[in-house]
Amino acid sequence: EAWDRDGKNKLATGKLVTIDNVID
C-alpha cells in the first residue's frame, strides 16, 4: 500500500514485483 506523506490517506494498492539482488 502507498500512503501520503502524513500517513492518513491511502493513495494506491499494488503488489511487490521484485527484490534487488544485493544489500547496500
PDBML (XML) file of the C-alpha atoms, coordinates in Angstrom:
<?xml version="1.0" encoding="UTF-8" ?>
<PDBx:datablock datablockName="MODEL"
   xmlns:PDBx="http://pdbml.pdb.org/schema/pdbx-v50.xsd"
   xmlns:xsi="http://www.w3.org/2001/XMLSchema-instance"
   xsi:schemaLocation="http://pdbml.pdb.org/schema/pdbx-v50.xsd pdbx-v50.xsd">
   <PDBx:atom_siteCategory>
      <PDBx:atom_site id="1">
         <PDBx:B_iso_or_equiv>0.00</PDBx:B_iso_or_equiv>
         <PDBx:Cartn_x>0.000</PDBx:Cartn_x>
         <PDBx:Cartn_y>0.000</PDBx:Cartn_y>
         <PDBx:Cartn_z>0.000</PDBx:Cartn_z>
         <PDBx:auth_asym_id>A</PDBx:auth_asym_id>
         <PDBx:auth_atom_id>CA</PDBx:auth_atom_id>
         <PDBx:auth_comp_id>GLU</PDBx:auth_comp_id>
         <PDBx:auth_seq_id>1</PDBx:auth_seq_id>
         <PDBx:group_PDB>ATOM</PDBx:group_PDB>
         <PDBx:label_alt_id xsi:nil="true" />
         <PDBx:label_asym_id>A</PDBx:label_asym_id>
         <PDBx:label_atom_id>CA</PDBx:label_atom_id>
         <PDBx:label_comp_id>GLU</PDBx:label_comp_id>
         <PDBx:label_entity_id>1</PDBx:label_entity_id>
         <PDBx:label_seq_id>1</PDBx:label_seq_id>
         <PDBx:occupancy>1.00</PDBx:occupancy>
         <PDBx:pdbx_PDB_model_num>1</PDBx:pdbx_PDB_model_num>
         <PDBx:type_symbol>C</PDBx:type_symbol>
      </PDBx:atom_site>
      <PDBx:atom_site id="2">
         <PDBx:B_iso_or_equiv>0.00</PDBx:B_iso_or_equiv>
         <PDBx:Cartn_x>1.135</PDBx:Cartn_x>
         <PDBx:Cartn_y>3.533</PDBx:Cartn_y>
         <PDBx:Cartn_z>-0.782</PDBx:Cartn_z>
         <PDBx:auth_asym_id>A</PDBx:auth_asym_id>
         <PDBx:auth_atom_id>CA</PDBx:auth_atom_id>
         <PDBx:auth_comp_id>ALA</PDBx:auth_comp_id>
         <PDBx:auth_seq_id>2</PDBx:auth_seq_id>
         <PDBx:group_PDB>ATOM</PDBx:group_PDB>
         <PDBx:label_alt_id xsi:nil="true" />
         <PDBx:label_asym_id>A</PDBx:label_asym_id>
         <PDBx:label_atom_id>CA</PDBx:label_atom_id>
         <PDBx:label_comp_id>ALA</PDBx:label_comp_id>
         <PDBx:label_entity_id>1</PDBx:label_entity_id>
         <PDBx:label_seq_id>2</PDBx:label_seq_id>
         <PDBx:occupancy>1.00</PDBx:occupancy>
         <PDBx:pdbx_PDB_model_num>1</PDBx:pdbx_PDB_model_num>
         <PDBx:type_symbol>C</PDBx:type_symbol>
      </PDBx:atom_site>
      <PDBx:atom_site id="3">
         <PDBx:B_iso_or_equiv>0.00</PDBx:B_iso_or_equiv>
         <PDBx:Cartn_x>0.086</PDBx:Cartn_x>
         <PDBx:Cartn_y>6.283</PDBx:Cartn_y>
         <PDBx:Cartn_z>1.661</PDBx:Cartn_z>
         <PDBx:auth_asym_id>A</PDBx:auth_asym_id>
         <PDBx:auth_atom_id>CA</PDBx:auth_atom_id>
         <PDBx:auth_comp_id>TRP</PDBx:auth_comp_id>
         <PDBx:auth_seq_id>3</PDBx:auth_seq_id>
         <PDBx:group_PDB>ATOM</PDBx:group_PDB>
         <PDBx:label_alt_id xsi:nil="true" />
         <PDBx:label_asym_id>A</PDBx:label_asym_id>
         <PDBx:label_atom_id>CA</PDBx:label_atom_id>
         <PDBx:label_comp_id>TRP</PDBx:label_comp_id>
         <PDBx:label_entity_id>1</PDBx:label_entity_id>
         <PDBx:label_seq_id>3</PDBx:label_seq_id>
         <PDBx:occupancy>1.00</PDBx:occupancy>
         <PDBx:pdbx_PDB_model_num>1</PDBx:pdbx_PDB_model_num>
         <PDBx:type_symbol>C</PDBx:type_symbol>
      </PDBx:atom_site>
      <PDBx:atom_site id="4">
         <PDBx:B_iso_or_equiv>0.00</PDBx:B_iso_or_equiv>
         <PDBx:Cartn_x>0.611</PDBx:Cartn_x>
         <PDBx:Cartn_y>10.026</PDBx:Cartn_y>
         <PDBx:Cartn_z>1.568</PDBx:Cartn_z>
         <PDBx:auth_asym_id>A</PDBx:auth_asym_id>
         <PDBx:auth_atom_id>CA</PDBx:auth_atom_id>
         <PDBx:auth_comp_id>ASP</PDBx:auth_comp_id>
         <PDBx:auth_seq_id>4</PDBx:auth_seq_id>
         <PDBx:group_PDB>ATOM</PDBx:group_PDB>
         <PDBx:label_alt_id xsi:nil="true" />
         <PDBx:label_asym_id>A</PDBx:label_asym_id>
         <PDBx:label_atom_id>CA</PDBx:label_atom_id>
         <PDBx:label_comp_id>ASP</PDBx:label_comp_id>
         <PDBx:label_entity_id>1</PDBx:label_entity_id>
         <PDBx:label_seq_id>4</PDBx:label_seq_id>
         <PDBx:occupancy>1.00</PDBx:occupancy>
         <PDBx:pdbx_PDB_model_num>1</PDBx:pdbx_PDB_model_num>
         <PDBx:type_symbol>C</PDBx:type_symbol>
      </PDBx:atom_site>
      <PDBx:atom_site id="5">
         <PDBx:B_iso_or_equiv>0.00</PDBx:B_iso_or_equiv>
         <PDBx:Cartn_x>3.394</PDBx:Cartn_x>
         <PDBx:Cartn_y>11.749</PDBx:Cartn_y>
         <PDBx:Cartn_z>3.468</PDBx:Cartn_z>
         <PDBx:auth_asym_id>A</PDBx:auth_asym_id>
         <PDBx:auth_atom_id>CA</PDBx:auth_atom_id>
         <PDBx:auth_comp_id>ARG</PDBx:auth_comp_id>
         <PDBx:auth_seq_id>5</PDBx:auth_seq_id>
         <PDBx:group_PDB>ATOM</PDBx:group_PDB>
         <PDBx:label_alt_id xsi:nil="true" />
         <PDBx:label_asym_id>A</PDBx:label_asym_id>
         <PDBx:label_atom_id>CA</PDBx:label_atom_id>
         <PDBx:label_comp_id>ARG</PDBx:label_comp_id>
         <PDBx:label_entity_id>1</PDBx:label_entity_id>
         <PDBx:label_seq_id>5</PDBx:label_seq_id>
         <PDBx:occupancy>1.00</PDBx:occupancy>
         <PDBx:pdbx_PDB_model_num>1</PDBx:pdbx_PDB_model_num>
         <PDBx:type_symbol>C</PDBx:type_symbol>
      </PDBx:atom_site>
      <PDBx:atom_site id="6">
         <PDBx:B_iso_or_equiv>0.00</PDBx:B_iso_or_equiv>
         <PDBx:Cartn_x>1.235</PDBx:Cartn_x>
         <PDBx:Cartn_y>12.226</PDBx:Cartn_y>
         <PDBx:Cartn_z>6.591</PDBx:Cartn_z>
         <PDBx:auth_asym_id>A</PDBx:auth_asym_id>
         <PDBx:auth_atom_id>CA</PDBx:auth_atom_id>
         <PDBx:auth_comp_id>ASP</PDBx:auth_comp_id>
         <PDBx:auth_seq_id>6</PDBx:auth_seq_id>
         <PDBx:group_PDB>ATOM</PDBx:group_PDB>
         <PDBx:label_alt_id xsi:nil="true" />
         <PDBx:label_asym_id>A</PDBx:label_asym_id>
         <PDBx:label_atom_id>CA</PDBx:label_atom_id>
         <PDBx:label_comp_id>ASP</PDBx:label_comp_id>
         <PDBx:label_entity_id>1</PDBx:label_entity_id>
         <PDBx:label_seq_id>6</PDBx:label_seq_id>
         <PDBx:occupancy>1.00</PDBx:occupancy>
         <PDBx:pdbx_PDB_model_num>1</PDBx:pdbx_PDB_model_num>
         <PDBx:type_symbol>C</PDBx:type_symbol>
      </PDBx:atom_site>
      <PDBx:atom_site id="7">
         <PDBx:B_iso_or_equiv>0.00</PDBx:B_iso_or_equiv>
         <PDBx:Cartn_x>0.179</PDBx:Cartn_x>
         <PDBx:Cartn_y>8.587</PDBx:Cartn_y>
         <PDBx:Cartn_z>6.536</PDBx:Cartn_z>
         <PDBx:auth_asym_id>A</PDBx:auth_asym_id>
         <PDBx:auth_atom_id>CA</PDBx:auth_atom_id>
         <PDBx:auth_comp_id>GLY</PDBx:auth_comp_id>
         <PDBx:auth_seq_id>7</PDBx:auth_seq_id>
         <PDBx:group_PDB>ATOM</PDBx:group_PDB>
         <PDBx:label_alt_id xsi:nil="true" />
         <PDBx:label_asym_id>A</PDBx:label_asym_id>
         <PDBx:label_atom_id>CA</PDBx:label_atom_id>
         <PDBx:label_comp_id>GLY</PDBx:label_comp_id>
         <PDBx:label_entity_id>1</PDBx:label_entity_id>
         <PDBx:label_seq_id>7</PDBx:label_seq_id>
         <PDBx:occupancy>1.00</PDBx:occupancy>
         <PDBx:pdbx_PDB_model_num>1</PDBx:pdbx_PDB_model_num>
         <PDBx:type_symbol>C</PDBx:type_symbol>
      </PDBx:atom_site>
      <PDBx:atom_site id="8">
         <PDBx:B_iso_or_equiv>0.00</PDBx:B_iso_or_equiv>
         <PDBx:Cartn_x>-3.525</PDBx:Cartn_x>
         <PDBx:Cartn_y>9.497</PDBx:Cartn_y>
         <PDBx:Cartn_z>6.648</PDBx:Cartn_z>
         <PDBx:auth_asym_id>A</PDBx:auth_asym_id>
         <PDBx:auth_atom_id>CA</PDBx:auth_atom_id>
         <PDBx:auth_comp_id>LYS</PDBx:auth_comp_id>
         <PDBx:auth_seq_id>8</PDBx:auth_seq_id>
         <PDBx:group_PDB>ATOM</PDBx:group_PDB>
         <PDBx:label_alt_id xsi:nil="true" />
         <PDBx:label_asym_id>A</PDBx:label_asym_id>
         <PDBx:label_atom_id>CA</PDBx:label_atom_id>
         <PDBx:label_comp_id>LYS</PDBx:label_comp_id>
         <PDBx:label_entity_id>1</PDBx:label_entity_id>
         <PDBx:label_seq_id>8</PDBx:label_seq_id>
         <PDBx:occupancy>1.00</PDBx:occupancy>
         <PDBx:pdbx_PDB_model_num>1</PDBx:pdbx_PDB_model_num>
         <PDBx:type_symbol>C</PDBx:type_symbol>
      </PDBx:atom_site>
      <PDBx:atom_site id="9">
         <PDBx:B_iso_or_equiv>0.00</PDBx:B_iso_or_equiv>
         <PDBx:Cartn_x>-4.744</PDBx:Cartn_x>
         <PDBx:Cartn_y>8.874</PDBx:Cartn_y>
         <PDBx:Cartn_z>3.091</PDBx:Cartn_z>
         <PDBx:auth_asym_id>A</PDBx:auth_asym_id>
         <PDBx:auth_atom_id>CA</PDBx:auth_atom_id>
         <PDBx:auth_comp_id>ASN</PDBx:auth_comp_id>
         <PDBx:auth_seq_id>9</PDBx:auth_seq_id>
         <PDBx:group_PDB>ATOM</PDBx:group_PDB>
         <PDBx:label_alt_id xsi:nil="true" />
         <PDBx:label_asym_id>A</PDBx:label_asym_id>
         <PDBx:label_atom_id>CA</PDBx:label_atom_id>
         <PDBx:label_comp_id>ASN</PDBx:label_comp_id>
         <PDBx:label_entity_id>1</PDBx:label_entity_id>
         <PDBx:label_seq_id>9</PDBx:label_seq_id>
         <PDBx:occupancy>1.00</PDBx:occupancy>
         <PDBx:pdbx_PDB_model_num>1</PDBx:pdbx_PDB_model_num>
         <PDBx:type_symbol>C</PDBx:type_symbol>
      </PDBx:atom_site>
      <PDBx:atom_site id="10">
         <PDBx:B_iso_or_equiv>0.00</PDBx:B_iso_or_equiv>
         <PDBx:Cartn_x>-4.130</PDBx:Cartn_x>
         <PDBx:Cartn_y>5.689</PDBx:Cartn_y>
         <PDBx:Cartn_z>1.127</PDBx:Cartn_z>
         <PDBx:auth_asym_id>A</PDBx:auth_asym_id>
         <PDBx:auth_atom_id>CA</PDBx:auth_atom_id>
         <PDBx:auth_comp_id>LYS</PDBx:auth_comp_id>
         <PDBx:auth_seq_id>10</PDBx:auth_seq_id>
         <PDBx:group_PDB>ATOM</PDBx:group_PDB>
         <PDBx:label_alt_id xsi:nil="true" />
         <PDBx:label_asym_id>A</PDBx:label_asym_id>
         <PDBx:label_atom_id>CA</PDBx:label_atom_id>
         <PDBx:label_comp_id>LYS</PDBx:label_comp_id>
         <PDBx:label_entity_id>1</PDBx:label_entity_id>
         <PDBx:label_seq_id>10</PDBx:label_seq_id>
         <PDBx:occupancy>1.00</PDBx:occupancy>
         <PDBx:pdbx_PDB_model_num>1</PDBx:pdbx_PDB_model_num>
         <PDBx:type_symbol>C</PDBx:type_symbol>
      </PDBx:atom_site>
      <PDBx:atom_site id="11">
         <PDBx:B_iso_or_equiv>0.00</PDBx:B_iso_or_equiv>
         <PDBx:Cartn_x>-3.130</PDBx:Cartn_x>
         <PDBx:Cartn_y>6.576</PDBx:Cartn_y>
         <PDBx:Cartn_z>-2.427</PDBx:Cartn_z>
         <PDBx:auth_asym_id>A</PDBx:auth_asym_id>
         <PDBx:auth_atom_id>CA</PDBx:auth_atom_id>
         <PDBx:auth_comp_id>LEU</PDBx:auth_comp_id>
         <PDBx:auth_seq_id>11</PDBx:auth_seq_id>
         <PDBx:group_PDB>ATOM</PDBx:group_PDB>
         <PDBx:label_alt_id xsi:nil="true" />
         <PDBx:label_asym_id>A</PDBx:label_asym_id>
         <PDBx:label_atom_id>CA</PDBx:label_atom_id>
         <PDBx:label_comp_id>LEU</PDBx:label_comp_id>
         <PDBx:label_entity_id>1</PDBx:label_entity_id>
         <PDBx:label_seq_id>11</PDBx:label_seq_id>
         <PDBx:occupancy>1.00</PDBx:occupancy>
         <PDBx:pdbx_PDB_model_num>1</PDBx:pdbx_PDB_model_num>
         <PDBx:type_symbol>C</PDBx:type_symbol>
      </PDBx:atom_site>
      <PDBx:atom_site id="12">
         <PDBx:B_iso_or_equiv>0.00</PDBx:B_iso_or_equiv>
         <PDBx:Cartn_x>-2.974</PDBx:Cartn_x>
         <PDBx:Cartn_y>3.195</PDBx:Cartn_y>
         <PDBx:Cartn_z>-4.142</PDBx:Cartn_z>
         <PDBx:auth_asym_id>A</PDBx:auth_asym_id>
         <PDBx:auth_atom_id>CA</PDBx:auth_atom_id>
         <PDBx:auth_comp_id>ALA</PDBx:auth_comp_id>
         <PDBx:auth_seq_id>12</PDBx:auth_seq_id>
         <PDBx:group_PDB>ATOM</PDBx:group_PDB>
         <PDBx:label_alt_id xsi:nil="true" />
         <PDBx:label_asym_id>A</PDBx:label_asym_id>
         <PDBx:label_atom_id>CA</PDBx:label_atom_id>
         <PDBx:label_comp_id>ALA</PDBx:label_comp_id>
         <PDBx:label_entity_id>1</PDBx:label_entity_id>
         <PDBx:label_seq_id>12</PDBx:label_seq_id>
         <PDBx:occupancy>1.00</PDBx:occupancy>
         <PDBx:pdbx_PDB_model_num>1</PDBx:pdbx_PDB_model_num>
         <PDBx:type_symbol>C</PDBx:type_symbol>
      </PDBx:atom_site>
      <PDBx:atom_site id="13">
         <PDBx:B_iso_or_equiv>0.00</PDBx:B_iso_or_equiv>
         <PDBx:Cartn_x>-2.772</PDBx:Cartn_x>
         <PDBx:Cartn_y>-0.554</PDBx:Cartn_y>
         <PDBx:Cartn_z>-3.605</PDBx:Cartn_z>
         <PDBx:auth_asym_id>A</PDBx:auth_asym_id>
         <PDBx:auth_atom_id>CA</PDBx:auth_atom_id>
         <PDBx:auth_comp_id>THR</PDBx:auth_comp_id>
         <PDBx:auth_seq_id>13</PDBx:auth_seq_id>
         <PDBx:group_PDB>ATOM</PDBx:group_PDB>
         <PDBx:label_alt_id xsi:nil="true" />
         <PDBx:label_asym_id>A</PDBx:label_asym_id>
         <PDBx:label_atom_id>CA</PDBx:label_atom_id>
         <PDBx:label_comp_id>THR</PDBx:label_comp_id>
         <PDBx:label_entity_id>1</PDBx:label_entity_id>
         <PDBx:label_seq_id>13</PDBx:label_seq_id>
         <PDBx:occupancy>1.00</PDBx:occupancy>
         <PDBx:pdbx_PDB_model_num>1</PDBx:pdbx_PDB_model_num>
         <PDBx:type_symbol>C</PDBx:type_symbol>
      </PDBx:atom_site>
      <PDBx:atom_site id="14">
         <PDBx:B_iso_or_equiv>0.00</PDBx:B_iso_or_equiv>
         <PDBx:Cartn_x>-0.369</PDBx:Cartn_x>
         <PDBx:Cartn_y>-2.708</PDBx:Cartn_y>
         <PDBx:Cartn_z>-5.602</PDBx:Cartn_z>
         <PDBx:auth_asym_id>A</PDBx:auth_asym_id>
         <PDBx:auth_atom_id>CA</PDBx:auth_atom_id>
         <PDBx:auth_comp_id>GLY</PDBx:auth_comp_id>
         <PDBx:auth_seq_id>14</PDBx:auth_seq_id>
         <PDBx:group_PDB>ATOM</PDBx:group_PDB>
         <PDBx:label_alt_id xsi:nil="true" />
         <PDBx:label_asym_id>A</PDBx:label_asym_id>
         <PDBx:label_atom_id>CA</PDBx:label_atom_id>
         <PDBx:label_comp_id>GLY</PDBx:label_comp_id>
         <PDBx:label_entity_id>1</PDBx:label_entity_id>
         <PDBx:label_seq_id>14</PDBx:label_seq_id>
         <PDBx:occupancy>1.00</PDBx:occupancy>
         <PDBx:pdbx_PDB_model_num>1</PDBx:pdbx_PDB_model_num>
         <PDBx:type_symbol>C</PDBx:type_symbol>
      </PDBx:atom_site>
      <PDBx:atom_site id="15">
         <PDBx:B_iso_or_equiv>0.00</PDBx:B_iso_or_equiv>
         <PDBx:Cartn_x>1.878</PDBx:Cartn_x>
         <PDBx:Cartn_y>-5.724</PDBx:Cartn_y>
         <PDBx:Cartn_z>-5.359</PDBx:Cartn_z>
         <PDBx:auth_asym_id>A</PDBx:auth_asym_id>
         <PDBx:auth_atom_id>CA</PDBx:auth_atom_id>
         <PDBx:auth_comp_id>LYS</PDBx:auth_comp_id>
         <PDBx:auth_seq_id>15</PDBx:auth_seq_id>
         <PDBx:group_PDB>ATOM</PDBx:group_PDB>
         <PDBx:label_alt_id xsi:nil="true" />
         <PDBx:label_asym_id>A</PDBx:label_asym_id>
         <PDBx:label_atom_id>CA</PDBx:label_atom_id>
         <PDBx:label_comp_id>LYS</PDBx:label_comp_id>
         <PDBx:label_entity_id>1</PDBx:label_entity_id>
         <PDBx:label_seq_id>15</PDBx:label_seq_id>
         <PDBx:occupancy>1.00</PDBx:occupancy>
         <PDBx:pdbx_PDB_model_num>1</PDBx:pdbx_PDB_model_num>
         <PDBx:type_symbol>C</PDBx:type_symbol>
      </PDBx:atom_site>
      <PDBx:atom_site id="16">
         <PDBx:B_iso_or_equiv>0.00</PDBx:B_iso_or_equiv>
         <PDBx:Cartn_x>5.543</PDBx:Cartn_x>
         <PDBx:Cartn_y>-6.470</PDBx:Cartn_y>
         <PDBx:Cartn_z>-4.803</PDBx:Cartn_z>
         <PDBx:auth_asym_id>A</PDBx:auth_asym_id>
         <PDBx:auth_atom_id>CA</PDBx:auth_atom_id>
         <PDBx:auth_comp_id>LEU</PDBx:auth_comp_id>
         <PDBx:auth_seq_id>16</PDBx:auth_seq_id>
         <PDBx:group_PDB>ATOM</PDBx:group_PDB>
         <PDBx:label_alt_id xsi:nil="true" />
         <PDBx:label_asym_id>A</PDBx:label_asym_id>
         <PDBx:label_atom_id>CA</PDBx:label_atom_id>
         <PDBx:label_comp_id>LEU</PDBx:label_comp_id>
         <PDBx:label_entity_id>1</PDBx:label_entity_id>
         <PDBx:label_seq_id>16</PDBx:label_seq_id>
         <PDBx:occupancy>1.00</PDBx:occupancy>
         <PDBx:pdbx_PDB_model_num>1</PDBx:pdbx_PDB_model_num>
         <PDBx:type_symbol>C</PDBx:type_symbol>
      </PDBx:atom_site>
      <PDBx:atom_site id="17">
         <PDBx:B_iso_or_equiv>0.00</PDBx:B_iso_or_equiv>
         <PDBx:Cartn_x>7.348</PDBx:Cartn_x>
         <PDBx:Cartn_y>-7.077</PDBx:Cartn_y>
         <PDBx:Cartn_z>-8.106</PDBx:Cartn_z>
         <PDBx:auth_asym_id>A</PDBx:auth_asym_id>
         <PDBx:auth_atom_id>CA</PDBx:auth_atom_id>
         <PDBx:auth_comp_id>VAL</PDBx:auth_comp_id>
         <PDBx:auth_seq_id>17</PDBx:auth_seq_id>
         <PDBx:group_PDB>ATOM</PDBx:group_PDB>
         <PDBx:label_alt_id xsi:nil="true" />
         <PDBx:label_asym_id>A</PDBx:label_asym_id>
         <PDBx:label_atom_id>CA</PDBx:label_atom_id>
         <PDBx:label_comp_id>VAL</PDBx:label_comp_id>
         <PDBx:label_entity_id>1</PDBx:label_entity_id>
         <PDBx:label_seq_id>17</PDBx:label_seq_id>
         <PDBx:occupancy>1.00</PDBx:occupancy>
         <PDBx:pdbx_PDB_model_num>1</PDBx:pdbx_PDB_model_num>
         <PDBx:type_symbol>C</PDBx:type_symbol>
      </PDBx:atom_site>
      <PDBx:atom_site id="18">
         <PDBx:B_iso_or_equiv>0.00</PDBx:B_iso_or_equiv>
         <PDBx:Cartn_x>10.921</PDBx:Cartn_x>
         <PDBx:Cartn_y>-7.881</PDBx:Cartn_y>
         <PDBx:Cartn_z>-7.227</PDBx:Cartn_z>
         <PDBx:auth_asym_id>A</PDBx:auth_asym_id>
         <PDBx:auth_atom_id>CA</PDBx:auth_atom_id>
         <PDBx:auth_comp_id>THR</PDBx:auth_comp_id>
         <PDBx:auth_seq_id>18</PDBx:auth_seq_id>
         <PDBx:group_PDB>ATOM</PDBx:group_PDB>
         <PDBx:label_alt_id xsi:nil="true" />
         <PDBx:label_asym_id>A</PDBx:label_asym_id>
         <PDBx:label_atom_id>CA</PDBx:label_atom_id>
         <PDBx:label_comp_id>THR</PDBx:label_comp_id>
         <PDBx:label_entity_id>1</PDBx:label_entity_id>
         <PDBx:label_seq_id>18</PDBx:label_seq_id>
         <PDBx:occupancy>1.00</PDBx:occupancy>
         <PDBx:pdbx_PDB_model_num>1</PDBx:pdbx_PDB_model_num>
         <PDBx:type_symbol>C</PDBx:type_symbol>
      </PDBx:atom_site>
      <PDBx:atom_site id="19">
         <PDBx:B_iso_or_equiv>0.00</PDBx:B_iso_or_equiv>
         <PDBx:Cartn_x>13.716</PDBx:Cartn_x>
         <PDBx:Cartn_y>-7.662</PDBx:Cartn_y>
         <PDBx:Cartn_z>-4.660</PDBx:Cartn_z>
         <PDBx:auth_asym_id>A</PDBx:auth_asym_id>
         <PDBx:auth_atom_id>CA</PDBx:auth_atom_id>
         <PDBx:auth_comp_id>ILE</PDBx:auth_comp_id>
         <PDBx:auth_seq_id>19</PDBx:auth_seq_id>
         <PDBx:group_PDB>ATOM</PDBx:group_PDB>
         <PDBx:label_alt_id xsi:nil="true" />
         <PDBx:label_asym_id>A</PDBx:label_asym_id>
         <PDBx:label_atom_id>CA</PDBx:label_atom_id>
         <PDBx:label_comp_id>ILE</PDBx:label_comp_id>
         <PDBx:label_entity_id>1</PDBx:label_entity_id>
         <PDBx:label_seq_id>19</PDBx:label_seq_id>
         <PDBx:occupancy>1.00</PDBx:occupancy>
         <PDBx:pdbx_PDB_model_num>1</PDBx:pdbx_PDB_model_num>
         <PDBx:type_symbol>C</PDBx:type_symbol>
      </PDBx:atom_site>
      <PDBx:atom_site id="20">
         <PDBx:B_iso_or_equiv>0.00</PDBx:B_iso_or_equiv>
         <PDBx:Cartn_x>17.163</PDBx:Cartn_x>
         <PDBx:Cartn_y>-6.371</PDBx:Cartn_y>
         <PDBx:Cartn_z>-5.502</PDBx:Cartn_z>
         <PDBx:auth_asym_id>A</PDBx:auth_asym_id>
         <PDBx:auth_atom_id>CA</PDBx:auth_atom_id>
         <PDBx:auth_comp_id>ASP</PDBx:auth_comp_id>
         <PDBx:auth_seq_id>20</PDBx:auth_seq_id>
         <PDBx:group_PDB>ATOM</PDBx:group_PDB>
         <PDBx:label_alt_id xsi:nil="true" />
         <PDBx:label_asym_id>A</PDBx:label_asym_id>
         <PDBx:label_atom_id>CA</PDBx:label_atom_id>
         <PDBx:label_comp_id>ASP</PDBx:label_comp_id>
         <PDBx:label_entity_id>1</PDBx:label_entity_id>
         <PDBx:label_seq_id>20</PDBx:label_seq_id>
         <PDBx:occupancy>1.00</PDBx:occupancy>
         <PDBx:pdbx_PDB_model_num>1</PDBx:pdbx_PDB_model_num>
         <PDBx:type_symbol>C</PDBx:type_symbol>
      </PDBx:atom_site>
      <PDBx:atom_site id="21">
         <PDBx:B_iso_or_equiv>0.00</PDBx:B_iso_or_equiv>
         <PDBx:Cartn_x>19.922</PDBx:Cartn_x>
         <PDBx:Cartn_y>-8.975</PDBx:Cartn_y>
         <PDBx:Cartn_z>-5.679</PDBx:Cartn_z>
         <PDBx:auth_asym_id>A</PDBx:auth_asym_id>
         <PDBx:auth_atom_id>CA</PDBx:auth_atom_id>
         <PDBx:auth_comp_id>ASN</PDBx:auth_comp_id>
         <PDBx:auth_seq_id>21</PDBx:auth_seq_id>
         <PDBx:group_PDB>ATOM</PDBx:group_PDB>
         <PDBx:label_alt_id xsi:nil="true" />
         <PDBx:label_asym_id>A</PDBx:label_asym_id>
         <PDBx:label_atom_id>CA</PDBx:label_atom_id>
         <PDBx:label_comp_id>ASN</PDBx:label_comp_id>
         <PDBx:label_entity_id>1</PDBx:label_entity_id>
         <PDBx:label_seq_id>21</PDBx:label_seq_id>
         <PDBx:occupancy>1.00</PDBx:occupancy>
         <PDBx:pdbx_PDB_model_num>1</PDBx:pdbx_PDB_model_num>
         <PDBx:type_symbol>C</PDBx:type_symbol>
      </PDBx:atom_site>
      <PDBx:atom_site id="22">
         <PDBx:B_iso_or_equiv>0.00</PDBx:B_iso_or_equiv>
         <PDBx:Cartn_x>22.356</PDBx:Cartn_x>
         <PDBx:Cartn_y>-7.174</PDBx:Cartn_y>
         <PDBx:Cartn_z>-3.361</PDBx:Cartn_z>
         <PDBx:auth_asym_id>A</PDBx:auth_asym_id>
         <PDBx:auth_atom_id>CA</PDBx:auth_atom_id>
         <PDBx:auth_comp_id>VAL</PDBx:auth_comp_id>
         <PDBx:auth_seq_id>22</PDBx:auth_seq_id>
         <PDBx:group_PDB>ATOM</PDBx:group_PDB>
         <PDBx:label_alt_id xsi:nil="true" />
         <PDBx:label_asym_id>A</PDBx:label_asym_id>
         <PDBx:label_atom_id>CA</PDBx:label_atom_id>
         <PDBx:label_comp_id>VAL</PDBx:label_comp_id>
         <PDBx:label_entity_id>1</PDBx:label_entity_id>
         <PDBx:label_seq_id>22</PDBx:label_seq_id>
         <PDBx:occupancy>1.00</PDBx:occupancy>
         <PDBx:pdbx_PDB_model_num>1</PDBx:pdbx_PDB_model_num>
         <PDBx:type_symbol>C</PDBx:type_symbol>
      </PDBx:atom_site>
      <PDBx:atom_site id="23">
         <PDBx:B_iso_or_equiv>0.00</PDBx:B_iso_or_equiv>
         <PDBx:Cartn_x>22.259</PDBx:Cartn_x>
         <PDBx:Cartn_y>-5.483</PDBx:Cartn_y>
         <PDBx:Cartn_z>0.045</PDBx:Cartn_z>
         <PDBx:auth_asym_id>A</PDBx:auth_asym_id>
         <PDBx:auth_atom_id>CA</PDBx:auth_atom_id>
         <PDBx:auth_comp_id>ILE</PDBx:auth_comp_id>
         <PDBx:auth_seq_id>23</PDBx:auth_seq_id>
         <PDBx:group_PDB>ATOM</PDBx:group_PDB>
         <PDBx:label_alt_id xsi:nil="true" />
         <PDBx:label_asym_id>A</PDBx:label_asym_id>
         <PDBx:label_atom_id>CA</PDBx:label_atom_id>
         <PDBx:label_comp_id>ILE</PDBx:label_comp_id>
         <PDBx:label_entity_id>1</PDBx:label_entity_id>
         <PDBx:label_seq_id>23</PDBx:label_seq_id>
         <PDBx:occupancy>1.00</PDBx:occupancy>
         <PDBx:pdbx_PDB_model_num>1</PDBx:pdbx_PDB_model_num>
         <PDBx:type_symbol>C</PDBx:type_symbol>
      </PDBx:atom_site>
      <PDBx:atom_site id="24">
         <PDBx:B_iso_or_equiv>0.00</PDBx:B_iso_or_equiv>
         <PDBx:Cartn_x>23.599</PDBx:Cartn_x>
         <PDBx:Cartn_y>-1.958</PDBx:Cartn_y>
         <PDBx:Cartn_z>0.315</PDBx:Cartn_z>
         <PDBx:auth_asym_id>A</PDBx:auth_asym_id>
         <PDBx:auth_atom_id>CA</PDBx:auth_atom_id>
         <PDBx:auth_comp_id>ASP</PDBx:auth_comp_id>
         <PDBx:auth_seq_id>24</PDBx:auth_seq_id>
         <PDBx:group_PDB>ATOM</PDBx:group_PDB>
         <PDBx:label_alt_id xsi:nil="true" />
         <PDBx:label_asym_id>A</PDBx:label_asym_id>
         <PDBx:label_atom_id>CA</PDBx:label_atom_id>
         <PDBx:label_comp_id>ASP</PDBx:label_comp_id>
         <PDBx:label_entity_id>1</PDBx:label_entity_id>
         <PDBx:label_seq_id>24</PDBx:label_seq_id>
         <PDBx:occupancy>1.00</PDBx:occupancy>
         <PDBx:pdbx_PDB_model_num>1</PDBx:pdbx_PDB_model_num>
         <PDBx:type_symbol>C</PDBx:type_symbol>
      </PDBx:atom_site>
   </PDBx:atom_siteCategory>
</PDBx:datablock>
